[in-house]
Amino acid sequence: MKKTICFLAFTCISAFGADATAGKAVYDGKCKTCHAADGNGNQGMAKVLKVEIKPLSSPDIQAMSDADLKKVVMAGFGKMKPVTTVTGADLDNVVAFVRTFKK
């Protein structure tokens, strides 16, 4: 949801609240292939890449700050390539969706 706050009739700022529902759509298009629909990791993909894909519900992942999660998406991690096409509100939204995996 986008809120615009204006004051002194000259200055306006926009505040975005992350939308996990919109984040699911981004996740489904950009992340699900490797991380699976349930966030537990696509084990077939892990085998091909010869890596462990940690469940997104794991305490290690959920303990990461939003900024750190965004950095992983934008810069990649290990064999995970950067997902540079996810930016701005989409990036905030996908992080909000990843938070829904928290147990």
PDB file of N, CA and C in Angstrom:
ATOM      1  N   MET A   1       0.839  -1.164   0.000  1.00  0.00           N
ATOM      2  CA  MET A   1       0.000   0.000   0.000  1.00  0.00           C
ATOM      3  C   MET A   1       0.891   1.236   0.000  1.00  0.00           C
ATOM      4  N   LYS A   2       0.557   2.215  -0.808  1.00  0.00           N
ATOM      5  CA  LYS A   2       1.338   3.440  -0.899  1.00  0.00           C
ATOM      6  C   LYS A   2       0.586   4.554  -0.195  1.00  0.00           C
ATOM      7  N   LYS A   3       1.303   5.261   0.667  1.00  0.00           N
ATOM      8  CA  LYS A   3       0.735   6.420   1.345  1.00  0.00           C
ATOM      9  C   LYS A   3       1.597   7.612   0.987  1.00  0.00           C
ATOM     10  N   THR A   4       0.965   8.711   0.698  1.00  0.00           N
ATOM     11  CA  THR A   4       1.712   9.925   0.419  1.00  0.00           C
ATOM     12  C   THR A   4       1.386  10.932   1.502  1.00  0.00           C
ATOM     13  N   ILE A   5       2.426  11.487   2.090  1.00  0.00           N
ATOM     14  CA  ILE A   5       2.260  12.455   3.161  1.00  0.00           C
ATOM     15  C   ILE A   5       2.801  13.782   2.651  1.00  0.00           C
ATOM     16  N   CYS A   6       1.979  14.810   2.705  1.00  0.00           N
ATOM     17  CA  CYS A   6       2.399  16.129   2.262  1.00  0.00           C
ATOM     18  C   CYS A   6       2.321  17.110   3.417  1.00  0.00           C
ATOM     19  N   PHE A   7       3.282  17.997   3.474  1.00  0.00           N
ATOM     20  CA  PHE A   7       3.238  19.045   4.479  1.00  0.00           C
ATOM     21  C   PHE A   7       3.805  20.314   3.875  1.00  0.00           C
ATOM     22  N   LEU A   8       3.386  21.429   4.381  1.00  0.00           N
ATOM     23  CA  LEU A   8       3.759  22.742   3.875  1.00  0.00           C
ATOM     24  C   LEU A   8       3.447  22.912   2.395  1.00  0.00           C
ATOM     25  N   ALA A   9       2.584  22.093   1.873  1.00  0.00           N
ATOM     26  CA  ALA A   9       2.115  22.141   0.490  1.00  0.00           C
ATOM     27  C   ALA A   9       3.227  22.037  -0.551  1.00  0.00           C
ATOM     28  N   PHE A  10       4.461  21.891  -0.133  1.00  0.00           N
ATOM     29  CA  PHE A  10       5.568  21.809  -1.083  1.00  0.00           C
ATOM     30  C   PHE A  10       6.362  20.512  -0.989  1.00  0.00           C
ATOM     31  N   THR A  11       6.267  19.858   0.127  1.00  0.00           N
ATOM     32  CA  THR A  11       7.073  18.673   0.348  1.00  0.00           C
ATOM     33  C   THR A  11       6.173  17.462   0.508  1.00  0.00           C
ATOM     34  N   CYS A  12       6.390  16.458  -0.305  1.00  0.00           N
ATOM     35  CA  CYS A  12       5.627  15.220  -0.224  1.00  0.00           C
ATOM     36  C   CYS A  12       6.603  14.054  -0.156  1.00  0.00           C
ATOM     37  N   ILE A  13       6.279  13.103   0.692  1.00  0.00           N
ATOM     38  CA  ILE A  13       7.074  11.883   0.738  1.00  0.00           C
ATOM     39  C   ILE A  13       6.133  10.712   0.600  1.00  0.00           C
ATOM     40  N   SER A  14       6.622   9.649  -0.004  1.00  0.00           N
ATOM     41  CA  SER A  14       5.831   8.436  -0.138  1.00  0.00           C
ATOM     42  C   SER A  14       6.369   7.391   0.819  1.00  0.00           C
ATOM     43  N   ALA A  15       5.471   6.731   1.494  1.00  0.00           N
ATOM     44  CA  ALA A  15       5.861   5.655   2.393  1.00  0.00           C
ATOM     45  C   ALA A  15       5.222   4.371   1.882  1.00  0.00           C
ATOM     46  N   PHE A  16       6.019   3.342   1.721  1.00  0.00           N
ATOM     47  CA  PHE A  16       5.526   2.076   1.211  1.00  0.00           C
ATOM     48  C   PHE A  16       5.531   1.062   2.337  1.00  0.00           C
ATOM     49  N   GLY A  17       4.407   0.383   2.483  1.00  0.00           N
ATOM     50  CA  GLY A  17       4.363  -0.752   3.385  1.00  0.00           C
ATOM     51  C   GLY A  17       4.552  -1.983   2.529  1.00  0.00           C
ATOM     52  N   ALA A  18       5.432  -2.865   2.944  1.00  0.00           N
ATOM     53  CA  ALA A  18       5.688  -4.070   2.158  1.00  0.00           C
ATOM     54  C   ALA A  18       4.440  -4.934   2.111  1.00  0.00           C
ATOM     55  N   ASP A  19       4.207  -5.547   0.976  1.00  0.00           N
ATOM     56  CA  ASP A  19       3.008  -6.337   0.718  1.00  0.00           C
ATOM     57  C   ASP A  19       3.420  -7.781   0.427  1.00  0.00           C
ATOM     58  N   ALA A  20       3.218  -8.658   1.410  1.00  0.00           N
ATOM     59  CA  ALA A  20       3.615 -10.057   1.267  1.00  0.00           C
ATOM     60  C   ALA A  20       2.862 -10.744   0.126  1.00  0.00           C
ATOM     61  N   THR A  21       1.628 -10.361  -0.116  1.00  0.00           N
ATOM     62  CA  THR A  21       0.854 -10.961  -1.205  1.00  0.00           C
ATOM     63  C   THR A  21       1.487 -10.618  -2.555  1.00  0.00           C
ATOM     64  N   ALA A  22       1.849  -9.366  -2.737  1.00  0.00           N
ATOM     65  CA  ALA A  22       2.549  -8.969  -3.962  1.00  0.00           C
ATOM     66  C   ALA A  22       3.919  -9.630  -4.018  1.00  0.00           C
ATOM     67  N   GLY A  23       4.552  -9.803  -2.869  1.00  0.00           N
ATOM     68  CA  GLY A  23       5.849 -10.468  -2.801  1.00  0.00           C
ATOM     69  C   GLY A  23       5.783 -11.917  -3.242  1.00  0.00           C
ATOM     70  N   LYS A  24       4.647 -12.577  -2.971  1.00  0.00           N
ATOM     71  CA  LYS A  24       4.482 -13.969  -3.399  1.00  0.00           C
ATOM     72  C   LYS A  24       4.535 -14.064  -4.920  1.00  0.00           C
ATOM     73  N   ALA A  25       3.926 -13.110  -5.591  1.00  0.00           N
ATOM     74  CA  ALA A  25       3.946 -13.107  -7.059  1.00  0.00           C
ATOM     75  C   ALA A  25       5.378 -12.957  -7.579  1.00  0.00           C
ATOM     76  N   VAL A  26       6.147 -12.085  -6.955  1.00  0.00           N
ATOM     77  CA  VAL A  26       7.551 -11.910  -7.335  1.00  0.00           C
ATOM     78  C   VAL A  26       8.323 -13.193  -7.039  1.00  0.00           C
ATOM     79  N   TYR A  27       8.119 -13.750  -5.857  1.00  0.00           N
ATOM     80  CA  TYR A  27       8.788 -14.993  -5.446  1.00  0.00           C
ATOM     81  C   TYR A  27       8.473 -16.113  -6.433  1.00  0.00           C
ATOM     82  N   ASP A  28       7.200 -16.249  -6.781  1.00  0.00           N
ATOM     83  CA  ASP A  28       6.801 -17.301  -7.720  1.00  0.00           C
ATOM     84  C   ASP A  28       7.505 -17.160  -9.066  1.00  0.00           C
ATOM     85  N   GLY A  29       7.734 -15.940  -9.491  1.00  0.00           N
ATOM     86  CA  GLY A  29       8.366 -15.711 -10.787  1.00  0.00           C
ATOM     87  C   GLY A  29       9.881 -15.746 -10.772  1.00  0.00           C
ATOM     88  N   LYS A  30      10.494 -15.415  -9.638  1.00  0.00           N
ATOM     89  CA  LYS A  30      11.947 -15.252  -9.604  1.00  0.00           C
ATOM     90  C   LYS A  30      12.681 -16.197  -8.653  1.00  0.00           C
ATOM     91  N   CYS A  31      12.001 -16.762  -7.665  1.00  0.00           N
ATOM     92  CA  CYS A  31      12.689 -17.489  -6.592  1.00  0.00           C
ATOM     93  C   CYS A  31      12.270 -18.948  -6.457  1.00  0.00           C
ATOM     94  N   LYS A  32      11.027 -19.231  -6.827  1.00  0.00           N
ATOM     95  CA  LYS A  32      10.437 -20.541  -6.571  1.00  0.00           C
ATOM     96  C   LYS A  32      11.185 -21.690  -7.241  1.00  0.00           C
ATOM     97  N   THR A  33      11.781 -21.455  -8.391  1.00  0.00           N
ATOM     98  CA  THR A  33      12.491 -22.519  -9.103  1.00  0.00           C
ATOM     99  C   THR A  33      13.540 -23.168  -8.214  1.00  0.00           C
ATOM    100  N   CYS A  34      14.273 -22.376  -7.481  1.00  0.00           N
ATOM    101  CA  CYS A  34      15.325 -22.921  -6.611  1.00  0.00           C
ATOM    102  C   CYS A  34      14.857 -23.115  -5.164  1.00  0.00           C
ATOM    103  N   HIS A  35      14.049 -22.196  -4.673  1.00  0.00           N
ATOM    104  CA  HIS A  35      13.672 -22.223  -3.260  1.00  0.00           C
ATOM    105  C   HIS A  35      12.378 -22.979  -2.990  1.00  0.00           C
ATOM    106  N   ALA A  36      11.675 -23.406  -4.032  1.00  0.00           N
ATOM    107  CA  ALA A  36      10.428 -24.176  -3.942  1.00  0.00           C
ATOM    108  C   ALA A  36       9.276 -23.327  -3.414  1.00  0.00           C
ATOM    109  N   ALA A  37       8.072 -23.752  -3.729  1.00  0.00           N
ATOM    110  CA  ALA A  37       6.869 -23.010  -3.337  1.00  0.00           C
ATOM    111  C   ALA A  37       6.762 -22.864  -1.826  1.00  0.00           C
ATOM    112  N   ASP A  38       7.202 -23.895  -1.109  1.00  0.00           N
ATOM    113  CA  ASP A  38       7.084 -23.870   0.357  1.00  0.00           C
ATOM    114  C   ASP A  38       8.318 -23.282   1.039  1.00  0.00           C
ATOM    115  N   GLY A  39       9.300 -22.829   0.267  1.00  0.00           N
ATOM    116  CA  GLY A  39      10.494 -22.214   0.833  1.00  0.00           C
ATOM    117  C   GLY A  39      11.505 -23.199   1.391  1.00  0.00           C
ATOM    118  N   ASN A  40      11.262 -24.494   1.223  1.00  0.00           N
ATOM    119  CA  ASN A  40      12.172 -25.502   1.777  1.00  0.00           C
ATOM    120  C   ASN A  40      13.297 -25.884   0.835  1.00  0.00           C
ATOM    121  N   GLY A  41      13.335 -25.300  -0.340  1.00  0.00           N
ATOM    122  CA  GLY A  41      14.405 -25.566  -1.301  1.00  0.00           C
ATOM    123  C   GLY A  41      14.049 -26.693  -2.245  1.00  0.00           C
ATOM    124  N   ASN A  42      14.356 -26.504  -3.499  1.00  0.00           N
ATOM    125  CA  ASN A  42      14.151 -27.512  -4.531  1.00  0.00           C
ATOM    126  C   ASN A  42      15.353 -28.449  -4.468  1.00  0.00           C
ATOM    127  N   GLN A  43      15.137 -29.643  -3.928  1.00  0.00           N
ATOM    128  CA  GLN A  43      16.252 -30.563  -3.710  1.00  0.00           C
ATOM    129  C   GLN A  43      16.871 -31.052  -5.015  1.00  0.00           C
ATOM    130  N   GLY A  44      16.100 -31.156  -6.069  1.00  0.00           N
ATOM    131  CA  GLY A  44      16.647 -31.512  -7.377  1.00  0.00           C
ATOM    132  C   GLY A  44      17.609 -30.450  -7.870  1.00  0.00           C
ATOM    133  N   MET A  45      17.240 -29.197  -7.703  1.00  0.00           N
ATOM    134  CA  MET A  45      18.107 -28.084  -8.103  1.00  0.00           C
ATOM    135  C   MET A  45      19.352 -28.057  -7.219  1.00  0.00           C
ATOM    136  N   ALA A  46      19.179 -28.303  -5.938  1.00  0.00           N
ATOM    137  CA  ALA A  46      20.320 -28.329  -5.019  1.00  0.00           C
ATOM    138  C   ALA A  46      21.320 -29.403  -5.433  1.00  0.00           C
ATOM    139  N   LYS A  47      20.797 -30.561  -5.839  1.00  0.00           N
ATOM    140  CA  LYS A  47      21.662 -31.662  -6.263  1.00  0.00           C
ATOM    141  C   LYS A  47      22.438 -31.287  -7.524  1.00  0.00           C
ATOM    142  N   VAL A  48      21.742 -30.694  -8.487  1.00  0.00           N
ATOM    143  CA  VAL A  48      22.395 -30.272  -9.732  1.00  0.00           C
ATOM    144  C   VAL A  48      23.489 -29.243  -9.444  1.00  0.00           C
ATOM    145  N   LEU A  49      23.195 -28.293  -8.571  1.00  0.00           N
ATOM    146  CA  LEU A  49      24.158 -27.227  -8.256  1.00  0.00           C
ATOM    147  C   LEU A  49      25.202 -27.658  -7.222  1.00  0.00           C
ATOM    148  N   LYS A  50      24.982 -28.836  -6.624  1.00  0.00           N
ATOM    149  CA  LYS A  50      25.871 -29.354  -5.581  1.00  0.00           C
ATOM    150  C   LYS A  50      25.990 -28.374  -4.419  1.00  0.00           C
ATOM    151  N   VAL A  51      24.811 -27.944  -3.942  1.00  0.00           N
ATOM    152  CA  VAL A  51      24.744 -27.022  -2.807  1.00  0.00           C
ATOM    153  C   VAL A  51      23.606 -27.445  -1.883  1.00  0.00           C
ATOM    154  N   GLU A  52      23.633 -26.905  -0.692  1.00  0.00           N
ATOM    155  CA  GLU A  52      22.497 -27.041   0.218  1.00  0.00           C
ATOM    156  C   GLU A  52      21.684 -25.753   0.074  1.00  0.00           C
ATOM    157  N   ILE A  53      20.402 -25.900  -0.170  1.00  0.00           N
ATOM    158  CA  ILE A  53      19.523 -24.729  -0.196  1.00  0.00           C
ATOM    159  C   ILE A  53      18.782 -24.734   1.129  1.00  0.00           C
ATOM    160  N   LYS A  54      19.167 -23.793   1.994  1.00  0.00           N
ATOM    161  CA  LYS A  54      18.577 -23.729   3.329  1.00  0.00           C
ATOM    162  C   LYS A  54      17.105 -23.364   3.253  1.00  0.00           C
ATOM    163  N   PRO A  55      16.274 -23.990   4.076  1.00  0.00           N
ATOM    164  CA  PRO A  55      14.864 -23.586   4.130  1.00  0.00           C
ATOM    165  C   PRO A  55      14.757 -22.113   4.535  1.00  0.00           C
ATOM    166  N   LEU A  56      13.887 -21.403   3.886  1.00  0.00           N
ATOM    167  CA  LEU A  56      13.709 -19.981   4.204  1.00  0.00           C
ATOM    168  C   LEU A  56      13.075 -19.782   5.569  1.00  0.00           C
ATOM    169  N   SER A  57      12.537 -20.856   6.128  1.00  0.00           N
ATOM    170  CA  SER A  57      11.968 -20.788   7.480  1.00  0.00           C
ATOM    171  C   SER A  57      13.020 -21.003   8.557  1.00  0.00           C
ATOM    172  N   SER A  58      14.243 -21.357   8.171  1.00  0.00           N
ATOM    173  CA  SER A  58      15.277 -21.675   9.154  1.00  0.00           C
ATOM    174  C   SER A  58      15.591 -20.456  10.024  1.00  0.00           C
ATOM    175  N   PRO A  59      15.961 -20.707  11.273  1.00  0.00           N
ATOM    176  CA  PRO A  59      16.310 -19.588  12.157  1.00  0.00           C
ATOM    177  C   PRO A  59      17.432 -18.711  11.594  1.00  0.00           C
ATOM    178  N   ASP A  60      18.388 -19.318  10.890  1.00  0.00           N
ATOM    179  CA  ASP A  60      19.484 -18.535  10.309  1.00  0.00           C
ATOM    180  C   ASP A  60      18.979 -17.513   9.300  1.00  0.00           C
ATOM    181  N   ILE A  61      18.072 -17.945   8.443  1.00  0.00           N
ATOM    182  CA  ILE A  61      17.528 -17.039   7.422  1.00  0.00           C
ATOM    183  C   ILE A  61      16.624 -15.998   8.071  1.00  0.00           C
ATOM    184  N   GLN A  62      15.736 -16.441   8.944  1.00  0.00           N
ATOM    185  CA  GLN A  62      14.784 -15.522   9.561  1.00  0.00           C
ATOM    186  C   GLN A  62      15.455 -14.520  10.508  1.00  0.00           C
ATOM    187  N   ALA A  63      16.656 -14.854  11.007  1.00  0.00           N
ATOM    188  CA  ALA A  63      17.384 -13.924  11.881  1.00  0.00           C
ATOM    189  C   ALA A  63      18.063 -12.809  11.095  1.00  0.00           C
ATOM    190  N   MET A  64      18.177 -12.976   9.781  1.00  0.00           N
ATOM    191  CA  MET A  64      18.800 -11.942   8.954  1.00  0.00           C
ATOM    192  C   MET A  64      17.923 -10.698   8.937  1.00  0.00           C
ATOM    193  N   SER A  65      18.559  -9.552   8.892  1.00  0.00           N
ATOM    194  CA  SER A  65      17.802  -8.303   8.777  1.00  0.00           C
ATOM    195  C   SER A  65      17.206  -8.213   7.372  1.00  0.00           C
ATOM    196  N   ASP A  66      16.203  -7.361   7.232  1.00  0.00           N
ATOM    197  CA  ASP A  66      15.626  -7.136   5.905  1.00  0.00           C
ATOM    198  C   ASP A  66      16.702  -6.642   4.940  1.00  0.00           C
ATOM    199  N   ALA A  67      17.571  -5.775   5.433  1.00  0.00           N
ATOM    200  CA  ALA A  67      18.644  -5.242   4.580  1.00  0.00           C
ATOM    201  C   ALA A  67      19.569  -6.361   4.115  1.00  0.00           C
ATOM    202  N   ASP A  68      19.871  -7.306   5.006  1.00  0.00           N
ATOM    203  CA  ASP A  68      20.733  -8.424   4.616  1.00  0.00           C
ATOM    204  C   ASP A  68      20.045  -9.330   3.600  1.00  0.00           C
ATOM    205  N   LEU A  69      18.762  -9.582   3.786  1.00  0.00           N
ATOM    206  CA  LEU A  69      18.026 -10.396   2.811  1.00  0.00           C
ATOM    207  C   LEU A  69      18.010  -9.715   1.448  1.00  0.00           C
ATOM    208  N   LYS A  70      17.804  -8.415   1.440  1.00  0.00           N
ATOM    209  CA  LYS A  70      17.815  -7.667   0.176  1.00  0.00           C
ATOM    210  C   LYS A  70      19.184  -7.754  -0.489  1.00  0.00           C
ATOM    211  N   LYS A  71      20.240  -7.687   0.318  1.00  0.00           N
ATOM    212  CA  LYS A  71      21.599  -7.777  -0.214  1.00  0.00           C
ATOM    213  C   LYS A  71      21.827  -9.134  -0.876  1.00  0.00           C
ATOM    214  N   VAL A  72      21.331 -10.209  -0.254  1.00  0.00           N
ATOM    215  CA  VAL A  72      21.470 -11.542  -0.843  1.00  0.00           C
ATOM    216  C   VAL A  72      20.763 -11.602  -2.196  1.00  0.00           C
ATOM    217  N   VAL A  73      19.565 -11.035  -2.261  1.00  0.00           N
ATOM    218  CA  VAL A  73      18.826 -11.036  -3.531  1.00  0.00           C
ATOM    219  C   VAL A  73      19.597 -10.242  -4.586  1.00  0.00           C
ATOM    220  N   MET A  74      20.053  -9.070  -4.224  1.00  0.00           N
ATOM    221  CA  MET A  74      20.691  -8.176  -5.193  1.00  0.00           C
ATOM    222  C   MET A  74      22.120  -8.575  -5.564  1.00  0.00           C
ATOM    223  N   ALA A  75      22.856  -9.170  -4.605  1.00  0.00           N
ATOM    224  CA  ALA A  75      24.265  -9.490  -4.857  1.00  0.00           C
ATOM    225  C   ALA A  75      24.512 -10.981  -5.062  1.00  0.00           C
ATOM    226  N   GLY A  76      23.545 -11.808  -4.677  1.00  0.00           N
ATOM    227  CA  GLY A  76      23.733 -13.242  -4.740  1.00  0.00           C
ATOM    228  C   GLY A  76      24.437 -13.747  -3.493  1.00  0.00           C
ATOM    229  N   PHE A  77      24.557 -15.079  -3.416  1.00  0.00           N
ATOM    230  CA  PHE A  77      25.213 -15.690  -2.258  1.00  0.00           C
ATOM    231  C   PHE A  77      25.657 -17.086  -2.667  1.00  0.00           C
ATOM    232  N   GLY A  78      26.931 -17.367  -2.509  1.00  0.00           N
ATOM    233  CA  GLY A  78      27.432 -18.669  -2.939  1.00  0.00           C
ATOM    234  C   GLY A  78      27.183 -18.845  -4.431  1.00  0.00           C
ATOM    235  N   LYS A  79      26.507 -19.934  -4.798  1.00  0.00           N
ATOM    236  CA  LYS A  79      26.197 -20.173  -6.212  1.00  0.00           C
ATOM    237  C   LYS A  79      24.929 -19.468  -6.675  1.00  0.00           C
ATOM    238  N   MET A  80      24.217 -18.829  -5.734  1.00  0.00           N
ATOM    239  CA  MET A  80      23.018 -18.072  -6.113  1.00  0.00           C
ATOM    240  C   MET A  80      23.453 -16.803  -6.837  1.00  0.00           C
ATOM    241  N   LYS A  81      22.984 -16.670  -8.046  1.00  0.00           N
ATOM    242  CA  LYS A  81      23.313 -15.481  -8.825  1.00  0.00           C
ATOM    243  C   LYS A  81      22.453 -14.297  -8.361  1.00  0.00           C
ATOM    244  N   PRO A  82      22.943 -13.075  -8.541  1.00  0.00           N
ATOM    245  CA  PRO A  82      22.142 -11.902  -8.198  1.00  0.00           C
ATOM    246  C   PRO A  82      20.842 -11.875  -9.000  1.00  0.00           C
ATOM    247  N   VAL A  83      19.795 -11.417  -8.365  1.00  0.00           N
ATOM    248  CA  VAL A  83      18.508 -11.255  -9.049  1.00  0.00           C
ATOM    249  C   VAL A  83      18.292  -9.747  -9.184  1.00  0.00           C
ATOM    250  N   THR A  84      18.988  -9.164 -10.141  1.00  0.00           N
ATOM    251  CA  THR A  84      19.008  -7.713 -10.293  1.00  0.00           C
ATOM    252  C   THR A  84      17.708  -7.148 -10.866  1.00  0.00           C
ATOM    253  N   THR A  85      16.820  -8.013 -11.331  1.00  0.00           N
ATOM    254  CA  THR A  85      15.553  -7.535 -11.882  1.00  0.00           C
ATOM    255  C   THR A  85      14.510  -7.306 -10.784  1.00  0.00           C
ATOM    256  N   VAL A  86      14.829  -7.658  -9.563  1.00  0.00           N
ATOM    257  CA  VAL A  86      13.916  -7.413  -8.438  1.00  0.00           C
ATOM    258  C   VAL A  86      14.459  -6.218  -7.666  1.00  0.00           C
ATOM    259  N   THR A  87      13.752  -5.101  -7.746  1.00  0.00           N
ATOM    260  CA  THR A  87      14.211  -3.863  -7.117  1.00  0.00           C
ATOM    261  C   THR A  87      13.028  -3.137  -6.485  1.00  0.00           C
ATOM    262  N   GLY A  88      13.327  -2.091  -5.778  1.00  0.00           N
ATOM    263  CA  GLY A  88      12.313  -1.194  -5.235  1.00  0.00           C
ATOM    264  C   GLY A  88      11.261  -1.898  -4.399  1.00  0.00           C
ATOM    265  N   ALA A  89      10.009  -1.575  -4.675  1.00  0.00           N
ATOM    266  CA  ALA A  89       8.895  -2.146  -3.912  1.00  0.00           C
ATOM    267  C   ALA A  89       8.836  -3.664  -4.059  1.00  0.00           C
ATOM    268  N   ASP A  90       9.193  -4.187  -5.236  1.00  0.00           N
ATOM    269  CA  ASP A  90       9.198  -5.639  -5.421  1.00  0.00           C
ATOM    270  C   ASP A  90      10.179  -6.308  -4.465  1.00  0.00           C
ATOM    271  N   LEU A  91      11.310  -5.693  -4.248  1.00  0.00           N
ATOM    272  CA  LEU A  91      12.311  -6.236  -3.335  1.00  0.00           C
ATOM    273  C   LEU A  91      11.776  -6.228  -1.898  1.00  0.00           C
ATOM    274  N   ASP A  92      11.163  -5.126  -1.497  1.00  0.00           N
ATOM    275  CA  ASP A  92      10.543  -5.053  -0.168  1.00  0.00           C
ATOM    276  C   ASP A  92       9.457  -6.108  -0.024  1.00  0.00           C
ATOM    277  N   ASN A  93       8.663  -6.262  -1.064  1.00  0.00           N
ATOM    278  CA  ASN A  93       7.545  -7.210  -1.014  1.00  0.00           C
ATOM    279  C   ASN A  93       8.020  -8.656  -0.937  1.00  0.00           C
ATOM    280  N   VAL A  94       9.068  -9.010  -1.681  1.00  0.00           N
ATOM    281  CA  VAL A  94       9.551 -10.389  -1.637  1.00  0.00           C
ATOM    282  C   VAL A  94      10.160 -10.689  -0.268  1.00  0.00           C
ATOM    283  N   VAL A  95      10.809  -9.724   0.351  1.00  0.00           N
ATOM    284  CA  VAL A  95      11.324  -9.922   1.712  1.00  0.00           C
ATOM    285  C   VAL A  95      10.157 -10.120   2.676  1.00  0.00           C
ATOM    286  N   ALA A  96       9.098  -9.348   2.517  1.00  0.00           N
ATOM    287  CA  ALA A  96       7.909  -9.535   3.364  1.00  0.00           C
ATOM    288  C   ALA A  96       7.333 -10.934   3.177  1.00  0.00           C
ATOM    289  N   PHE A  97       7.342 -11.441   1.942  1.00  0.00           N
ATOM    290  CA  PHE A  97       6.843 -12.790   1.700  1.00  0.00           C
ATOM    291  C   PHE A  97       7.760 -13.827   2.342  1.00  0.00           C
ATOM    292  N   VAL A  98       9.059 -13.655   2.239  1.00  0.00           N
ATOM    293  CA  VAL A  98      10.000 -14.586   2.881  1.00  0.00           C
ATOM    294  C   VAL A  98       9.734 -14.637   4.386  1.00  0.00           C
ATOM    295  N   ARG A  99       9.371 -13.531   4.969  1.00  0.00           N
ATOM    296  CA  ARG A  99       9.051 -13.495   6.411  1.00  0.00           C
ATOM    297  C   ARG A  99       7.840 -14.368   6.746  1.00  0.00           C
ATOM    298  N   THR A 100       6.965 -14.627   5.775  1.00  0.00           N
ATOM    299  CA  THR A 100       5.795 -15.472   6.054  1.00  0.00           C
ATOM    300  C   THR A 100       6.174 -16.928   6.280  1.00  0.00           C
ATOM    301  N   PHE A 101       7.394 -17.318   5.928  1.00  0.00           N
ATOM    302  CA  PHE A 101       7.852 -18.682   6.152  1.00  0.00           C
ATOM    303  C   PHE A 101       8.295 -18.912   7.601  1.00  0.00           C
ATOM    304  N   LYS A 102       8.410 -17.842   8.372  1.00  0.00           N
ATOM    305  CA  LYS A 102       8.861 -17.960   9.758  1.00  0.00           C
ATOM    306  C   LYS A 102       7.936 -18.882  10.540  1.00  0.00           C
ATOM    307  N   LYS A 103       8.547 -19.793  11.263  1.00  0.00           N
ATOM    308  CA  LYS A 103       7.762 -20.748  12.065  1.00  0.00           C
ATOM    309  C   LYS A 103       7.494 -20.203  13.437  1.00  0.00           C
TER     310      LYS A 103
END
